[in-house]
Each structure stands twice: as C-alpha cells, then as structure tokens.
Amino acid sequence: MADKLSALGKIGVNTRLAHSGNNPSDFHGFVNPPVVHASTVLFPNARTMETRAQKYTYGTRGTPTTDALCEAINELEGAAGTILVPSGLAAVTVPFLAYLSSGDHALIVDSVYFPTRHFCDTMLTRLGVTVEYYDPMIGAGIENLIRPNTRLVHTEAPGSNTFEMQDIRAIATAAHRHGCIVTMDNTWATPVYFRPLEHGVDISIHAATKYPSGHSDVLLGTVSANERHWPALSEAMVTLGVCVSPDDSYQILRGLRTMGVRLERHQASALEIAKWLESRDEVARVLHPGLPSFPGHELWKRDFGGASGIFSFVLSSAPEKSKAKAHAFLDALSLFGLGYSWGGFESLAVHVNLADRKVAKAPSEGPVIRLQIGLEDVPDIRRDIEAGLAAANAV
C-alpha cells in the first residue's frame, strides 16, 4: 500500500489515513485486514524453524493485523519502523529501557506526563540512571545541562496539563551535538499535526489510546524510530516480550480512518470554547497553544499544523477556596464526564494536580481545570461549562 500511495505523489492526510497500512489485494480484496489470532506459528521443516526463515515465527513478533497497523503508523510518521505496546505509558518506558543503561544521565521535560515521571523517579532511578528535569521553555539552552554521560533527552509538546510548547528542533540539534537520543511524546498533536522525526526527533511516541482509537475503549501505544535507532527499539520489544492483541490493533487501525476528520472537529470546537473562556471574568488564564495570548503560540504556529481538543484553563480563586471551587465546577457538569484520558468522542474534565513540578511553575491564580472537548455541539458544551462556572462562583 505504501508503494501505491507513493505512486499518487503528494496526497492529503485524510487520503493517507484512509488508505495506509492495508492492501486489499493481499487479502482477496477485503477492504480491512483480517484479525489474525496467533501464538504458535508452524514451520514447513526443521531448517526453516532453526533459521526462522519465514515472515512470521511467533505471535509476539507480529501478525498480518499488527503489521498492517505498524505499516500505517510508519507511513504517517515517516519512520523506519514502529512497535506496538499495550499502553501509552509503555510507549514511553520501553524506549527508555531500550536506550538507557546504569550510569547514564537522562534529561526529562518538567511538564511531562505524571506516570512517566513516576517511572523515572522509581524504576529508572533504581536501575542506576540519573534523571534530571528541565524547563520546557529551555530551547537550545538545554546544551548547558548536557553532561558527558547524558544519553537521552525526552520531550513532550505541548506539555501535560499546562501545554507549554518546546522548541523541538533547537533541543534536538543541541542534543545530537553530544550524541544524545531525542524522544518525544507527541500524543496531543498526533502525526496529523506534527511529525517529530522531521524535526530532529529520533523516537516518536504516541498513546494510541487517545485520538487514533477515538472511542475510549482501547489501550495501546506506538513507538516509531528513525533508521539509526530502529534496530535497538525492535530488539527491546522482542527482549521484553511486549506485544498487543490483534483485536486492539484492528480497532486502532479502524480508528485511524476517521482520525483526521475527528481532529478537525475537536480542534474547531476546542478553539471556540477556549476563546470564549478567555472572555469570562471567572477565568484567570486559558492554556491553549492555539491562542495568540499563550506564551508558546508562535512556536506552535511555526511548527504545528493544527491543535487537538484538549486544553486547560485557570479558574480564578483565592488559595483557601481553590479546591472547593474546582470541585464545585466539576460536580455541576452534566455533559462532561469526570474521567482521565482523552481523545474520545465525549467531553471530559479533570482538576489537575501540578504538585509534581520541580522546575516549571504551576499557575498561581487558582485551580487548573483540564478540558477534553468532544464531538458534541458547541452550544451544549458551552452551557455545561456555564453551569460549572456558576457553581464555582457560588463557593
């Protein structure tokens, strides 16, 4: 299918999403790939078994279903190879284990997804890796933090919950001068709106649980590597024995077909709500890279092709009423669900805990509320938020 797409020349992202990863002619013309359940794979003879001289050798090492998804992600990312893992967190931790060894130093952005921080502060530290957190706005200045034993620089843009933008190209350029590997959690933008490998990143990470799934019912992560770092990533997957089910892979591949048009709706609705929230007296700040008022807006406009449906806002509050106002806002919502994750069709809200920050400062004007703007109609979303704001005002 990649050859077929290449023959078409430059094509749009929705065309690519619709046709990547599966060639119907390989499977009797069926539009979607078969769901192949496998553990044992048989060999025709002892010599083939000894040398593993056939495409499929065991279920953990791939099936036609998982291969179809990997090929689609490779096409979207411009990657040399992709591995599939059971969750978005595993998509971060597997490459850390692949490239870091005892005695290494790793630089991790301070606005990182909290479970990633927990992994770094516990298991990674226990394995003898020194972890240091850096300001997400550091840009090329990260060179001042690189030590002789610095092996990896992890980025995430926008940052979790507070959406700081990073100058990925500048960070990657500085890191590569010292032989460091650059990894990026690009879950927010997806490869539809940002392709990390084209900006100097070596390893692109996604929680496919989010927008590729789109329906809040599948856990899966993808890790894509450039040519230089693909062999080590592939070897780590085999060594660790991580794999995903063909059913989940099929669901993610199915979700990819509509991800582009869903993202367009998420983006338009979220920007409309974000602009409206900026006009509200109850709101101290709106944390959305697509807003001109946001400190990282120019970086976002320079490097990204769009925005997804998740952002935060700071609810104005005296410190002693901060938690009570946040809870009142959340408890008054009826359309928004109170739940973690995001990227599905439904709107979600959560009171963000930023107590883990070491370098980047959390907003001081009040509690931070993160919103996932779903596919509902904007007037209905706005009415629900208004009810939340009214409840918070009453505290």
Protein backbone atom coordinates (compact mmCIF):
# COMPACT_ATOMS: atom_id res chain seq x y z
CA MET A 1 0.00 0.00 0.00
CA ALA A 2 2.90 2.37 0.68
CA ASP A 3 4.05 1.88 -2.91
CA LYS A 4 0.55 2.60 -4.14
CA LEU A 5 0.39 5.84 -2.13
CA SER A 6 3.84 6.89 -3.32
CA ALA A 7 2.68 6.47 -6.89
CA LEU A 8 -0.01 9.05 -6.23
CA GLY A 9 2.60 11.67 -5.36
CA LYS A 10 1.79 14.20 -2.63
CA ILE A 11 -1.56 13.36 -1.10
CA GLY A 12 -3.65 14.81 1.71
CA VAL A 13 -3.55 13.48 5.24
CA ASN A 14 -7.11 12.17 5.15
CA THR A 15 -6.34 10.24 1.98
CA ARG A 16 -3.28 8.80 3.66
CA LEU A 17 -5.26 7.87 6.77
CA ALA A 18 -7.91 6.18 4.66
CA HIS A 19 -5.51 4.00 2.68
CA SER A 20 -2.35 3.38 4.73
CA GLY A 21 -1.47 0.03 6.25
CA ASN A 22 -3.50 -2.48 4.29
CA ASN A 23 -3.51 -3.55 0.67
CA PRO A 24 -6.87 -5.19 -0.08
CA SER A 25 -5.32 -7.21 -2.91
CA ASP A 26 -3.24 -9.08 -0.31
CA PHE A 27 -6.41 -10.44 1.29
CA HIS A 28 -8.77 -11.34 -1.54
CA GLY A 29 -9.94 -7.74 -1.97
CA PHE A 30 -11.33 -7.24 1.53
CA VAL A 31 -11.06 -3.56 2.50
CA ASN A 32 -9.95 -4.28 6.07
CA PRO A 33 -7.16 -6.68 7.08
CA PRO A 34 -8.06 -9.96 8.77
CA VAL A 35 -7.86 -10.22 12.53
CA VAL A 36 -5.27 -12.96 12.97
CA HIS A 37 -5.09 -14.51 16.44
CA ALA A 38 -1.78 -16.24 16.96
CA SER A 39 0.71 -17.61 19.41
CA THR A 40 2.25 -20.68 17.74
CA VAL A 41 3.27 -20.40 14.09
CA LEU A 42 4.20 -23.58 12.25
CA PHE A 43 7.31 -24.05 10.11
CA PRO A 44 7.47 -26.26 6.99
CA ASN A 45 10.68 -28.00 8.05
CA ALA A 46 13.41 -28.12 10.69
CA ARG A 47 15.83 -25.90 8.75
CA THR A 48 13.30 -23.11 8.41
CA MET A 49 12.49 -23.45 12.09
CA GLU A 50 16.16 -23.28 13.07
CA THR A 51 16.87 -20.19 10.99
CA ARG A 52 13.45 -18.55 11.43
CA ALA A 53 13.49 -18.06 7.67
CA GLN A 54 9.87 -17.04 7.25
CA LYS A 55 7.96 -13.82 7.81
CA TYR A 56 6.02 -14.90 10.89
CA THR A 57 7.59 -17.01 13.62
CA TYR A 58 5.60 -16.41 16.81
CA GLY A 59 2.62 -14.31 17.83
CA THR A 60 4.63 -11.86 19.93
CA ARG A 61 6.68 -10.89 16.88
CA GLY A 62 3.81 -9.78 14.72
CA THR A 63 0.83 -10.94 12.68
CA PRO A 64 -0.78 -9.59 9.49
CA THR A 65 -3.08 -7.50 11.71
CA THR A 66 -0.36 -5.87 13.80
CA ASP A 67 1.81 -5.43 10.71
CA ALA A 68 -1.00 -3.52 8.98
CA LEU A 69 -1.15 -1.06 11.87
CA CYS A 70 2.65 -0.71 12.04
CA GLU A 71 2.81 0.00 8.32
CA ALA A 72 0.10 2.65 8.63
CA ILE A 73 1.94 4.36 11.51
CA ASN A 74 5.24 4.18 9.61
CA GLU A 75 3.56 5.91 6.69
CA LEU A 76 2.13 8.65 8.90
CA GLU A 77 5.35 9.17 10.86
CA GLY A 78 7.88 8.76 8.06
CA ALA A 79 9.51 6.11 10.27
CA ALA A 80 11.88 3.23 9.61
CA GLY A 81 9.88 1.05 11.98
CA THR A 82 7.17 1.04 14.63
CA ILE A 83 6.49 -1.19 17.62
CA LEU A 84 3.10 -1.63 19.28
CA VAL A 85 2.86 -1.78 23.06
CA PRO A 86 -0.04 -2.24 25.50
CA SER A 87 -0.45 1.40 26.62
CA GLY A 88 0.72 4.95 26.13
CA LEU A 89 2.87 4.70 29.26
CA ALA A 90 4.56 1.59 27.88
CA ALA A 91 5.26 3.58 24.72
CA VAL A 92 7.42 5.88 26.87
CA THR A 93 9.03 3.30 29.14
CA VAL A 94 10.05 0.73 26.52
CA PRO A 95 12.35 3.15 24.63
CA PHE A 96 13.77 4.37 27.95
CA LEU A 97 14.69 0.77 28.73
CA ALA A 98 15.97 0.27 25.18
CA TYR A 99 18.43 3.18 25.18
CA LEU A 100 19.37 3.84 28.81
CA SER A 101 21.82 1.90 30.97
CA SER A 102 23.12 2.13 34.51
CA GLY A 103 25.36 5.18 34.84
CA ASP A 104 23.57 7.18 32.13
CA HIS A 105 22.05 10.61 32.65
CA ALA A 106 18.61 11.44 31.19
CA LEU A 107 17.04 14.87 30.76
CA ILE A 108 13.24 14.83 31.12
CA VAL A 109 10.99 17.83 30.47
CA ASP A 110 9.39 19.03 33.71
CA SER A 111 5.91 19.28 32.14
CA VAL A 112 5.97 15.56 31.47
CA TYR A 113 3.02 13.17 31.81
CA PHE A 114 2.97 12.24 35.51
CA PRO A 115 3.16 8.43 35.10
CA THR A 116 6.32 8.98 33.03
CA ARG A 117 7.79 10.98 35.92
CA HIS A 118 6.82 8.22 38.33
CA PHE A 119 8.60 5.63 36.18
CA CYS A 120 11.71 7.83 36.02
CA ASP A 121 11.76 8.52 39.75
CA THR A 122 11.25 4.88 40.74
CA MET A 123 12.22 2.14 38.32
CA LEU A 124 14.62 4.11 36.13
CA THR A 125 16.43 5.55 39.14
CA ARG A 126 16.58 2.10 40.74
CA LEU A 127 18.25 0.79 37.59
CA GLY A 128 21.07 3.32 38.07
CA VAL A 129 20.01 6.08 35.67
CA THR A 130 20.34 9.67 36.88
CA VAL A 131 17.23 11.69 36.00
CA GLU A 132 17.17 15.47 35.76
CA TYR A 133 14.13 17.61 34.91
CA TYR A 134 14.40 20.71 32.74
CA ASP A 135 12.27 23.76 31.95
CA PRO A 136 10.06 23.09 28.92
CA MET A 137 10.88 26.56 27.54
CA ILE A 138 14.65 25.99 27.63
CA GLY A 139 15.12 25.54 23.87
CA ALA A 140 18.74 25.48 22.73
CA GLY A 141 19.77 26.26 26.31
CA ILE A 142 19.42 22.58 27.08
CA GLU A 143 23.02 22.23 25.91
CA ASN A 144 24.08 23.70 29.25
CA LEU A 145 22.53 20.73 31.06
CA ILE A 146 24.11 18.01 28.95
CA ARG A 147 26.79 16.02 30.77
CA PRO A 148 29.39 13.62 29.37
CA ASN A 149 27.10 10.72 30.36
CA THR A 150 23.84 12.26 29.08
CA ARG A 151 22.30 9.64 26.82
CA LEU A 152 18.69 10.68 26.28
CA VAL A 153 16.58 13.85 26.15
CA HIS A 154 12.83 13.35 26.48
CA THR A 155 10.44 15.99 25.17
CA GLU A 156 6.68 16.44 25.22
CA ALA A 157 4.92 19.22 23.35
CA PRO A 158 2.62 20.64 24.35
CA GLY A 159 3.32 19.70 27.95
CA SER A 160 0.87 17.69 30.01
CA ASN A 161 -1.89 19.72 31.63
CA THR A 162 -0.29 23.16 31.21
CA PHE A 163 0.55 22.87 27.49
CA GLU A 164 3.97 24.54 27.39
CA MET A 165 5.45 24.48 23.90
CA GLN A 166 9.00 23.29 23.28
CA ASP A 167 11.40 24.28 20.52
CA ILE A 168 11.87 20.70 19.43
CA ARG A 169 14.26 21.43 16.58
CA ALA A 170 16.58 23.50 18.77
CA ILE A 171 16.58 20.88 21.53
CA ALA A 172 17.25 18.04 19.07
CA THR A 173 20.07 19.92 17.38
CA ALA A 174 21.81 20.61 20.70
CA ALA A 175 21.26 17.05 21.94
CA HIS A 176 22.62 15.47 18.76
CA ARG A 177 25.82 17.50 19.01
CA HIS A 178 26.53 15.45 22.12
CA GLY A 179 25.35 12.10 20.81
CA CYS A 180 22.09 12.06 22.77
CA ILE A 181 18.94 10.28 21.64
CA VAL A 182 15.84 12.51 21.49
CA THR A 183 12.44 11.04 22.30
CA MET A 184 9.11 12.85 22.07
CA ASP A 185 5.64 12.17 23.40
CA ASN A 186 3.53 13.56 20.55
CA THR A 187 0.15 12.27 21.70
CA TRP A 188 -1.51 15.72 21.73
CA ALA A 189 -0.84 16.57 18.09
CA THR A 190 -0.68 13.09 16.53
CA PRO A 191 1.32 12.79 13.27
CA VAL A 192 -1.57 14.60 11.56
CA TYR A 193 -0.48 17.91 13.08
CA PHE A 194 3.20 17.27 13.89
CA ARG A 195 5.74 14.74 12.60
CA PRO A 196 8.53 14.59 15.19
CA LEU A 197 11.05 12.70 13.04
CA GLU A 198 11.01 15.59 10.54
CA HIS A 199 12.06 17.97 13.33
CA GLY A 200 15.10 16.05 14.53
CA VAL A 201 13.45 13.66 16.98
CA ASP A 202 14.75 10.09 16.92
CA ILE A 203 11.84 8.32 18.63
CA SER A 204 8.20 9.39 18.26
CA ILE A 205 5.81 8.18 20.95
CA HIS A 206 2.01 8.09 20.93
CA ALA A 207 -0.72 6.92 23.23
CA ALA A 208 -2.92 5.46 20.52
CA THR A 209 -5.47 5.10 23.33
CA LYS A 210 -6.32 8.71 22.57
CA TYR A 211 -7.15 10.05 19.09
CA PRO A 212 -6.21 7.02 16.98
CA SER A 213 -8.71 4.97 18.99
CA GLY A 214 -11.18 7.83 19.31
CA HIS A 215 -13.77 5.84 21.25
CA SER A 216 -12.38 5.43 24.80
CA ASP A 217 -12.32 1.65 24.58
CA VAL A 218 -8.79 0.56 23.57
CA LEU A 219 -5.44 0.81 25.37
CA LEU A 220 -2.43 0.85 23.03
CA GLY A 221 0.80 2.73 22.41
CA THR A 222 3.01 3.17 19.35
CA VAL A 223 6.74 3.90 19.21
CA SER A 224 8.30 4.89 15.88
CA ALA A 225 12.02 5.21 15.21
CA ASN A 226 14.26 6.68 12.56
CA GLU A 227 16.57 4.34 10.67
CA ARG A 228 19.55 4.73 13.01
CA HIS A 229 17.65 3.82 16.17
CA TRP A 230 15.16 1.29 14.83
CA PRO A 231 17.29 -1.87 15.41
CA ALA A 232 17.69 -1.22 19.14
CA LEU A 233 13.99 -0.43 19.55
CA SER A 234 12.96 -3.58 17.70
CA GLU A 235 15.34 -5.67 19.79
CA ALA A 236 13.97 -4.19 23.03
CA MET A 237 10.44 -5.14 22.07
CA VAL A 238 11.47 -8.75 21.44
CA THR A 239 13.62 -8.94 24.58
CA LEU A 240 10.94 -7.50 26.85
CA GLY A 241 8.23 -9.63 25.29
CA VAL A 242 5.80 -6.74 24.88
CA CYS A 243 3.07 -7.13 22.32
CA VAL A 244 -0.56 -6.19 21.70
CA SER A 245 -3.65 -8.14 20.73
CA PRO A 246 -4.76 -8.32 17.10
CA ASP A 247 -8.24 -7.18 18.14
CA ASP A 248 -6.90 -3.96 19.66
CA SER A 249 -4.65 -3.39 16.66
CA TYR A 250 -7.62 -3.76 14.35
CA GLN A 251 -9.63 -1.25 16.39
CA ILE A 252 -6.82 1.32 16.26
CA LEU A 253 -6.39 0.81 12.51
CA ARG A 254 -10.13 1.31 12.13
CA GLY A 255 -9.96 4.48 14.23
CA LEU A 256 -7.17 5.91 12.07
CA ARG A 257 -9.51 6.04 9.08
CA THR A 258 -11.58 8.81 10.66
CA MET A 259 -8.96 10.43 12.90
CA GLY A 260 -8.33 13.35 10.55
CA VAL A 261 -11.94 14.47 10.29
CA ARG A 262 -12.48 13.91 14.02
CA LEU A 263 -9.44 16.03 14.82
CA GLU A 264 -10.80 18.84 12.64
CA ARG A 265 -13.96 18.89 14.73
CA HIS A 266 -12.09 18.59 18.05
CA GLN A 267 -9.81 21.46 17.03
CA ALA A 268 -12.56 23.81 15.87
CA SER A 269 -14.75 23.22 18.91
CA ALA A 270 -11.89 23.46 21.41
CA LEU A 271 -10.62 26.73 19.95
CA GLU A 272 -14.11 28.21 20.03
CA ILE A 273 -14.55 27.21 23.67
CA ALA A 274 -11.03 28.41 24.58
CA LYS A 275 -11.64 31.85 23.04
CA TRP A 276 -14.97 32.10 24.83
CA LEU A 277 -13.39 31.16 28.17
CA GLU A 278 -10.82 33.94 27.72
CA SER A 279 -13.70 36.43 27.85
CA ARG A 280 -15.09 35.11 31.13
CA ASP A 281 -14.38 37.02 34.34
CA GLU A 282 -14.19 33.77 36.30
CA VAL A 283 -11.20 32.60 34.23
CA ALA A 284 -7.70 33.87 35.01
CA ARG A 285 -5.95 32.26 32.03
CA VAL A 286 -6.59 29.81 29.22
CA LEU A 287 -3.74 27.40 28.47
CA HIS A 288 -4.12 26.60 24.77
CA PRO A 289 -1.21 26.88 22.30
CA GLY A 290 -3.61 27.94 19.53
CA LEU A 291 -4.47 31.20 21.31
CA PRO A 292 -2.33 34.28 20.45
CA SER A 293 -2.28 35.12 24.18
CA PHE A 294 -0.49 31.88 25.04
CA PRO A 295 3.30 32.23 25.58
CA GLY A 296 4.14 29.33 23.23
CA HIS A 297 1.76 30.35 20.45
CA GLU A 298 4.44 31.42 17.98
CA LEU A 299 6.28 28.09 18.35
CA TRP A 300 3.01 26.24 17.82
CA LYS A 301 2.18 28.32 14.75
CA ARG A 302 5.68 27.79 13.31
CA ASP A 303 5.91 24.03 13.77
CA PHE A 304 2.44 22.53 14.14
CA GLY A 305 -0.26 22.04 11.53
CA GLY A 306 -3.14 22.21 13.99
CA ALA A 307 -4.40 21.66 17.51
CA SER A 308 -6.33 18.85 19.12
CA GLY A 309 -9.25 19.04 21.52
CA ILE A 310 -7.57 19.18 24.92
CA PHE A 311 -6.51 22.28 26.84
CA SER A 312 -6.72 23.76 30.34
CA PHE A 313 -7.90 26.92 31.99
CA VAL A 314 -7.10 28.53 35.34
CA LEU A 315 -10.15 29.25 37.47
CA SER A 316 -9.76 32.49 39.43
CA SER A 317 -9.76 31.73 43.12
CA ALA A 318 -8.33 32.71 46.46
CA PRO A 319 -5.93 29.99 47.66
CA GLU A 320 -8.18 28.88 50.53
CA LYS A 321 -11.11 28.26 48.15
CA SER A 322 -9.16 26.77 45.27
CA LYS A 323 -10.03 23.09 45.76
CA ALA A 324 -13.64 23.80 46.74
CA LYS A 325 -14.20 25.91 43.62
CA ALA A 326 -12.64 23.26 41.39
CA HIS A 327 -14.83 20.54 42.88
CA ALA A 328 -17.95 22.70 42.62
CA PHE A 329 -17.22 23.33 38.95
CA LEU A 330 -16.72 19.64 38.20
CA ASP A 331 -19.72 18.44 40.22
CA ALA A 332 -22.07 20.82 38.39
CA LEU A 333 -21.21 19.38 34.97
CA SER A 334 -23.68 17.01 33.37
CA LEU A 335 -22.49 16.66 29.76
CA PHE A 336 -18.78 16.48 30.64
CA GLY A 337 -17.65 13.24 32.17
CA LEU A 338 -15.20 13.26 35.07
CA GLY A 339 -12.51 10.91 33.90
CA TYR A 340 -8.89 10.52 32.93
CA SER A 341 -7.57 10.01 29.42
CA TRP A 342 -8.94 11.91 26.45
CA GLY A 343 -9.20 11.72 22.68
CA GLY A 344 -12.58 10.03 22.59
CA PHE A 345 -15.85 11.33 21.22
CA GLU A 346 -17.03 12.58 24.63
CA SER A 347 -16.10 15.70 26.58
CA LEU A 348 -14.18 15.18 29.81
CA ALA A 349 -12.98 17.37 32.66
CA VAL A 350 -10.46 16.91 35.45
CA HIS A 351 -8.93 19.02 38.23
CA VAL A 352 -5.20 18.96 37.50
CA ASN A 353 -2.64 18.24 40.22
CA LEU A 354 0.64 20.04 39.50
CA ALA A 355 2.37 19.31 42.79
CA ASP A 356 4.92 17.14 41.00
CA ARG A 357 6.59 20.06 39.19
CA LYS A 358 10.23 20.66 40.07
CA VAL A 359 11.29 23.43 37.66
CA ALA A 360 8.28 24.71 35.72
CA LYS A 361 5.98 26.82 37.89
CA ALA A 362 2.32 25.91 38.21
CA PRO A 363 -0.23 28.72 37.67
CA SER A 364 -0.80 30.63 40.89
CA GLU A 365 -4.14 32.34 40.16
CA GLY A 366 -6.27 29.32 41.04
CA PRO A 367 -7.00 25.69 40.24
CA VAL A 368 -6.23 24.31 36.79
CA ILE A 369 -9.10 22.54 35.04
CA ARG A 370 -8.30 20.40 32.01
CA LEU A 371 -10.99 20.00 29.37
CA GLN A 372 -11.23 17.45 26.60
CA ILE A 373 -13.66 18.93 24.09
CA GLY A 374 -15.50 16.10 22.43
CA LEU A 375 -17.69 15.87 19.36
CA GLU A 376 -20.84 17.27 20.94
CA ASP A 377 -22.37 20.53 19.68
CA VAL A 378 -20.54 23.62 20.91
CA PRO A 379 -23.63 25.39 22.33
CA ASP A 380 -24.33 22.37 24.52
CA ILE A 381 -20.71 22.22 25.68
CA ARG A 382 -20.76 25.92 26.49
CA ARG A 383 -23.99 25.65 28.51
CA ASP A 384 -22.48 22.85 30.58
CA ILE A 385 -19.35 24.89 31.31
CA GLU A 386 -21.52 27.88 32.25
CA ALA A 387 -23.27 25.73 34.83
CA GLY A 388 -19.88 24.73 36.23
CA LEU A 389 -18.70 28.33 36.39
CA ALA A 390 -21.90 29.39 38.16
CA ALA A 391 -21.42 26.66 40.76
CA ALA A 392 -17.81 27.70 41.33
CA ASN A 393 -18.90 31.33 41.75
CA ALA A 394 -21.29 30.28 44.49
CA VAL A 395 -18.49 28.90 46.67
